[in-house]
Amino acid sequence: MDFERKKPKINLKVHLCTAETKNWFQYKNRLLRHEILPFGKRTSDGTAVYFAIYCKNNKKLRNIKRKLNGKRIYVDNKKKRIILSEYLVKKLANLYKIYKVEEYSTYDGVEVEKGEMKWK
């Protein structure tokens, strides 16, 4: 007797992605759950954008903080900078070098991009 074997038809959808792609996707999703500093804006990639005045030493940082008198600012002592609200950015544009910074919202806050704001 000759038996015929029929192969079952399997309708299977498969999605392949590299480990690197999966890692970046998961990393982005984890970043979206991290807290960001005050006056920052979160991007769709999970990074945060800030406007900041950088100071070389703590004395200069304290002087600027005293001049601004706590108005819509956040002092980031770890990176020696003052993060400004967008409202203050326009008012202080002629007085200080203000940088637009994009960084990861992780503990160390690795900067993705940093550029000085140019005003006309």
N, C-alpha and C. Protein backbone atom coordinates (compact mmCIF):
# COMPACT_ATOMS: atom_id res chain seq x y z
N MET A 1 0.83 -1.18 0.00
CA MET A 1 0.00 0.00 0.00
C MET A 1 0.87 1.24 0.00
N ASP A 2 0.42 2.12 -0.77
CA ASP A 2 1.15 3.37 -0.90
C ASP A 2 0.35 4.49 -0.24
N PHE A 3 0.91 4.99 0.86
CA PHE A 3 0.22 6.08 1.57
C PHE A 3 0.79 7.42 1.15
N GLU A 4 -0.10 8.32 0.87
CA GLU A 4 0.35 9.67 0.53
C GLU A 4 0.27 10.54 1.77
N ARG A 5 1.34 11.21 2.00
CA ARG A 5 1.34 12.13 3.13
C ARG A 5 1.13 13.53 2.60
N LYS A 6 0.17 14.17 3.20
CA LYS A 6 -0.09 15.55 2.81
C LYS A 6 0.56 16.47 3.85
N LYS A 7 1.28 17.43 3.34
CA LYS A 7 1.92 18.39 4.24
C LYS A 7 0.87 19.42 4.65
N PRO A 8 0.78 19.67 5.94
CA PRO A 8 -0.21 20.67 6.38
C PRO A 8 0.22 22.07 5.94
N LYS A 9 -0.75 22.84 5.55
CA LYS A 9 -0.47 24.22 5.16
C LYS A 9 -0.49 25.09 6.41
N ILE A 10 0.59 25.77 6.63
CA ILE A 10 0.70 26.63 7.81
C ILE A 10 0.78 28.08 7.33
N ASN A 11 -0.13 28.85 7.83
CA ASN A 11 -0.13 30.27 7.50
C ASN A 11 0.47 31.00 8.71
N LEU A 12 1.74 31.30 8.63
CA LEU A 12 2.45 31.88 9.76
C LEU A 12 3.09 33.20 9.35
N LYS A 13 2.81 34.24 10.11
CA LYS A 13 3.42 35.54 9.84
C LYS A 13 4.62 35.70 10.75
N VAL A 14 5.73 36.09 10.18
CA VAL A 14 6.97 36.22 10.95
C VAL A 14 7.52 37.63 10.74
N HIS A 15 7.95 38.21 11.85
CA HIS A 15 8.59 39.53 11.79
C HIS A 15 10.01 39.38 12.32
N LEU A 16 10.98 39.74 11.52
CA LEU A 16 12.37 39.63 11.93
C LEU A 16 12.95 41.03 12.12
N CYS A 17 13.66 41.20 13.20
CA CYS A 17 14.38 42.45 13.39
C CYS A 17 15.70 42.13 14.07
N THR A 18 16.66 42.97 13.83
CA THR A 18 17.98 42.73 14.41
C THR A 18 17.94 43.03 15.91
N ALA A 19 18.89 42.50 16.61
CA ALA A 19 18.98 42.76 18.05
C ALA A 19 19.22 44.24 18.30
N GLU A 20 19.96 44.88 17.42
CA GLU A 20 20.24 46.32 17.59
C GLU A 20 18.96 47.15 17.45
N THR A 21 18.13 46.82 16.47
CA THR A 21 16.87 47.53 16.29
C THR A 21 15.96 47.33 17.50
N LYS A 22 15.88 46.11 17.97
CA LYS A 22 15.06 45.81 19.13
C LYS A 22 15.57 46.55 20.36
N ASN A 23 16.88 46.59 20.54
CA ASN A 23 17.46 47.28 21.68
C ASN A 23 17.13 48.77 21.66
N TRP A 24 17.27 49.42 20.50
CA TRP A 24 16.97 50.86 20.42
C TRP A 24 15.47 51.13 20.65
N PHE A 25 14.63 50.26 20.15
CA PHE A 25 13.19 50.42 20.35
C PHE A 25 12.85 50.32 21.84
N GLN A 26 13.41 49.31 22.50
CA GLN A 26 13.16 49.15 23.93
C GLN A 26 13.76 50.30 24.74
N TYR A 27 14.95 50.76 24.35
CA TYR A 27 15.60 51.87 25.04
C TYR A 27 14.74 53.13 24.94
N LYS A 28 14.21 53.40 23.75
CA LYS A 28 13.35 54.57 23.56
C LYS A 28 12.12 54.47 24.46
N ASN A 29 11.53 53.30 24.54
CA ASN A 29 10.35 53.13 25.40
C ASN A 29 10.68 53.31 26.87
N ARG A 30 11.86 52.87 27.28
CA ARG A 30 12.28 53.08 28.68
C ARG A 30 12.51 54.56 28.94
N LEU A 31 13.08 55.27 27.98
CA LEU A 31 13.33 56.71 28.15
C LEU A 31 12.04 57.49 28.34
N LEU A 32 10.98 57.05 27.68
CA LEU A 32 9.71 57.74 27.80
C LEU A 32 9.13 57.65 29.21
N ARG A 33 9.59 56.67 29.98
CA ARG A 33 9.11 56.52 31.35
C ARG A 33 9.93 57.31 32.37
N HIS A 34 11.09 57.80 31.96
CA HIS A 34 11.95 58.55 32.88
C HIS A 34 11.40 59.96 33.12
N GLU A 35 11.65 60.47 34.31
CA GLU A 35 11.29 61.85 34.63
C GLU A 35 12.27 62.79 33.92
N ILE A 36 11.78 63.95 33.52
CA ILE A 36 12.67 64.97 32.97
C ILE A 36 12.71 66.14 33.94
N LEU A 37 13.73 66.98 33.79
CA LEU A 37 13.89 68.13 34.66
C LEU A 37 12.81 69.17 34.35
N PRO A 38 12.53 70.06 35.30
CA PRO A 38 11.53 71.10 35.05
C PRO A 38 11.90 71.97 33.85
N PHE A 39 10.90 72.47 33.17
CA PHE A 39 11.00 73.37 32.02
C PHE A 39 11.56 72.68 30.77
N GLY A 40 11.61 71.37 30.77
CA GLY A 40 12.05 70.63 29.60
C GLY A 40 10.86 70.16 28.79
N LYS A 41 11.12 69.85 27.54
CA LYS A 41 10.09 69.29 26.67
C LYS A 41 10.57 67.94 26.18
N ARG A 42 9.72 66.95 26.30
CA ARG A 42 10.07 65.61 25.85
C ARG A 42 9.81 65.47 24.36
N THR A 43 10.73 64.82 23.67
CA THR A 43 10.55 64.56 22.24
C THR A 43 9.94 63.17 22.06
N SER A 44 9.55 62.86 20.85
CA SER A 44 8.95 61.55 20.57
C SER A 44 9.98 60.43 20.71
N ASP A 45 11.26 60.77 20.62
CA ASP A 45 12.33 59.77 20.76
C ASP A 45 12.67 59.47 22.22
N GLY A 46 12.06 60.21 23.14
CA GLY A 46 12.34 59.98 24.56
C GLY A 46 13.40 60.90 25.13
N THR A 47 14.00 61.73 24.28
CA THR A 47 14.98 62.68 24.79
C THR A 47 14.25 63.91 25.34
N ALA A 48 14.99 64.79 26.00
CA ALA A 48 14.41 66.01 26.54
C ALA A 48 15.18 67.21 25.99
N VAL A 49 14.47 68.30 25.73
CA VAL A 49 15.07 69.52 25.22
C VAL A 49 14.96 70.60 26.29
N TYR A 50 16.10 71.26 26.56
CA TYR A 50 16.15 72.31 27.57
C TYR A 50 16.81 73.55 27.00
N PHE A 51 16.50 74.69 27.59
CA PHE A 51 17.23 75.93 27.34
C PHE A 51 18.02 76.20 28.61
N ALA A 52 19.34 76.38 28.47
CA ALA A 52 20.17 76.46 29.67
C ALA A 52 21.27 77.50 29.53
N ILE A 53 21.65 78.04 30.68
CA ILE A 53 22.82 78.90 30.81
C ILE A 53 23.86 78.07 31.56
N TYR A 54 25.03 77.87 30.95
CA TYR A 54 26.08 77.08 31.59
C TYR A 54 27.05 78.00 32.32
N CYS A 55 27.51 77.55 33.47
CA CYS A 55 28.45 78.31 34.29
C CYS A 55 29.70 77.48 34.51
N LYS A 56 30.85 78.14 34.50
CA LYS A 56 32.10 77.41 34.69
C LYS A 56 32.36 77.07 36.15
N ASN A 57 31.83 77.87 37.05
CA ASN A 57 32.06 77.59 38.47
C ASN A 57 30.78 77.87 39.27
N ASN A 58 30.79 77.42 40.52
CA ASN A 58 29.61 77.54 41.38
C ASN A 58 29.32 78.99 41.76
N LYS A 59 30.36 79.82 41.83
CA LYS A 59 30.17 81.23 42.20
C LYS A 59 29.33 81.95 41.14
N LYS A 60 29.69 81.73 39.88
CA LYS A 60 28.93 82.34 38.78
C LYS A 60 27.49 81.80 38.76
N LEU A 61 27.35 80.52 39.03
CA LEU A 61 26.02 79.90 39.08
C LEU A 61 25.15 80.56 40.15
N ARG A 62 25.72 80.79 41.34
CA ARG A 62 24.97 81.45 42.43
C ARG A 62 24.62 82.89 42.08
N ASN A 63 25.55 83.60 41.42
CA ASN A 63 25.29 85.00 41.05
C ASN A 63 24.12 85.11 40.07
N ILE A 64 24.12 84.25 39.07
CA ILE A 64 23.02 84.29 38.09
C ILE A 64 21.71 83.89 38.76
N LYS A 65 21.77 82.90 39.62
CA LYS A 65 20.57 82.46 40.34
C LYS A 65 20.02 83.61 41.18
N ARG A 66 20.89 84.35 41.84
CA ARG A 66 20.47 85.49 42.66
C ARG A 66 19.84 86.59 41.79
N LYS A 67 20.42 86.84 40.63
CA LYS A 67 19.88 87.87 39.73
C LYS A 67 18.49 87.50 39.21
N LEU A 68 18.32 86.22 38.92
CA LEU A 68 17.02 85.77 38.39
C LEU A 68 15.99 85.57 39.49
N ASN A 69 16.45 85.48 40.71
CA ASN A 69 15.59 85.44 41.90
C ASN A 69 14.54 84.33 41.84
N GLY A 70 14.92 83.16 41.32
CA GLY A 70 14.02 82.01 41.33
C GLY A 70 12.88 82.05 40.34
N LYS A 71 12.89 83.00 39.42
CA LYS A 71 11.79 83.12 38.46
C LYS A 71 11.90 82.07 37.36
N ARG A 72 11.04 81.10 37.38
CA ARG A 72 10.93 80.11 36.31
C ARG A 72 12.29 79.54 35.89
N ILE A 73 13.08 79.16 36.88
CA ILE A 73 14.37 78.54 36.61
C ILE A 73 14.51 77.27 37.44
N TYR A 74 15.42 76.43 37.00
CA TYR A 74 15.79 75.25 37.76
C TYR A 74 17.32 75.18 37.74
N VAL A 75 17.92 75.09 38.90
CA VAL A 75 19.38 75.03 39.00
C VAL A 75 19.81 73.56 39.00
N ASP A 76 20.60 73.20 38.01
CA ASP A 76 21.14 71.84 37.89
C ASP A 76 22.60 71.90 38.32
N ASN A 77 22.84 71.68 39.61
CA ASN A 77 24.19 71.77 40.16
C ASN A 77 25.13 70.72 39.60
N LYS A 78 24.60 69.57 39.25
CA LYS A 78 25.44 68.48 38.73
C LYS A 78 26.15 68.89 37.44
N LYS A 79 25.45 69.60 36.58
CA LYS A 79 26.04 70.02 35.30
C LYS A 79 26.40 71.50 35.27
N LYS A 80 26.28 72.17 36.42
CA LYS A 80 26.59 73.60 36.55
C LYS A 80 25.87 74.43 35.48
N ARG A 81 24.57 74.36 35.53
CA ARG A 81 23.76 75.11 34.57
C ARG A 81 22.45 75.52 35.21
N ILE A 82 21.81 76.49 34.58
CA ILE A 82 20.49 76.94 34.99
C ILE A 82 19.56 76.67 33.82
N ILE A 83 18.53 75.91 34.07
CA ILE A 83 17.54 75.60 33.04
C ILE A 83 16.44 76.64 33.12
N LEU A 84 16.12 77.20 31.97
CA LEU A 84 15.17 78.32 31.89
C LEU A 84 13.85 77.88 31.26
N SER A 85 12.81 78.57 31.63
CA SER A 85 11.54 78.38 30.93
C SER A 85 11.62 79.12 29.60
N GLU A 86 10.79 78.74 28.67
CA GLU A 86 10.80 79.42 27.36
C GLU A 86 10.47 80.90 27.51
N TYR A 87 9.66 81.22 28.48
CA TYR A 87 9.30 82.60 28.75
C TYR A 87 10.55 83.44 29.06
N LEU A 88 11.43 82.91 29.89
CA LEU A 88 12.63 83.64 30.25
C LEU A 88 13.68 83.67 29.15
N VAL A 89 13.68 82.71 28.29
CA VAL A 89 14.67 82.64 27.22
C VAL A 89 14.63 83.91 26.38
N LYS A 90 13.45 84.34 26.02
CA LYS A 90 13.31 85.53 25.18
C LYS A 90 13.75 86.79 25.92
N LYS A 91 13.49 86.84 27.21
CA LYS A 91 13.84 88.02 28.00
C LYS A 91 15.34 88.12 28.27
N LEU A 92 16.00 86.98 28.39
CA LEU A 92 17.42 86.97 28.77
C LEU A 92 18.35 86.76 27.58
N ALA A 93 17.81 86.78 26.40
CA ALA A 93 18.60 86.49 25.20
C ALA A 93 19.79 87.43 25.02
N ASN A 94 19.65 88.69 25.37
CA ASN A 94 20.72 89.65 25.17
C ASN A 94 21.70 89.70 26.34
N LEU A 95 21.38 89.07 27.45
CA LEU A 95 22.23 89.14 28.64
C LEU A 95 23.17 87.95 28.81
N TYR A 96 22.75 86.78 28.38
CA TYR A 96 23.52 85.57 28.61
C TYR A 96 23.62 84.72 27.34
N LYS A 97 24.62 83.85 27.32
CA LYS A 97 24.69 82.83 26.27
C LYS A 97 23.73 81.72 26.67
N ILE A 98 22.72 81.52 25.87
CA ILE A 98 21.71 80.50 26.16
C ILE A 98 21.87 79.37 25.14
N TYR A 99 21.90 78.16 25.65
CA TYR A 99 22.07 76.98 24.82
C TYR A 99 20.79 76.17 24.78
N LYS A 100 20.52 75.63 23.61
CA LYS A 100 19.43 74.66 23.46
C LYS A 100 20.09 73.29 23.50
N VAL A 101 19.68 72.47 24.46
CA VAL A 101 20.32 71.18 24.71
C VAL A 101 19.30 70.07 24.59
N GLU A 102 19.67 69.05 23.83
CA GLU A 102 18.85 67.84 23.77
C GLU A 102 19.66 66.73 24.41
N GLU A 103 19.05 66.03 25.37
CA GLU A 103 19.77 64.99 26.08
C GLU A 103 18.85 63.84 26.45
N TYR A 104 19.47 62.70 26.74
CA TYR A 104 18.70 61.56 27.23
C TYR A 104 18.24 61.85 28.65
N SER A 105 17.07 61.35 28.99
CA SER A 105 16.51 61.62 30.32
C SER A 105 16.97 60.56 31.33
N THR A 106 18.21 60.16 31.22
CA THR A 106 18.79 59.19 32.15
C THR A 106 19.48 59.92 33.29
N TYR A 107 20.01 59.16 34.24
CA TYR A 107 20.67 59.74 35.40
C TYR A 107 21.85 60.64 35.00
N ASP A 108 22.66 60.18 34.06
CA ASP A 108 23.82 60.97 33.65
C ASP A 108 23.49 62.02 32.61
N GLY A 109 22.34 61.95 31.97
CA GLY A 109 21.90 62.97 31.03
C GLY A 109 22.86 63.20 29.87
N VAL A 110 23.19 62.15 29.15
CA VAL A 110 24.11 62.26 28.03
C VAL A 110 23.51 63.18 26.97
N GLU A 111 24.30 64.16 26.55
CA GLU A 111 23.81 65.13 25.57
C GLU A 111 23.86 64.56 24.16
N VAL A 112 22.76 64.75 23.46
CA VAL A 112 22.66 64.32 22.07
C VAL A 112 23.10 65.48 21.18
N GLU A 113 22.64 66.67 21.53
CA GLU A 113 22.93 67.86 20.74
C GLU A 113 22.95 69.08 21.65
N LYS A 114 23.88 69.99 21.38
CA LYS A 114 23.96 71.22 22.16
C LYS A 114 24.39 72.34 21.22
N GLY A 115 23.62 73.41 21.22
CA GLY A 115 23.95 74.54 20.34
C GLY A 115 23.54 75.86 20.97
N GLU A 116 24.36 76.86 20.74
CA GLU A 116 24.07 78.19 21.27
C GLU A 116 22.95 78.83 20.46
N MET A 117 22.03 79.45 21.16
CA MET A 117 20.91 80.13 20.51
C MET A 117 21.43 81.43 19.90
N LYS A 118 21.08 81.69 18.67
CA LYS A 118 21.48 82.92 17.98
C LYS A 118 20.27 83.82 17.87
N TRP A 119 20.42 85.05 18.28
CA TRP A 119 19.33 86.03 18.25
C TRP A 119 19.68 87.16 17.34
N LYS A 120 18.70 87.69 16.66
CA LYS A 120 18.92 88.82 15.75
C LYS A 120 18.62 90.11 16.43
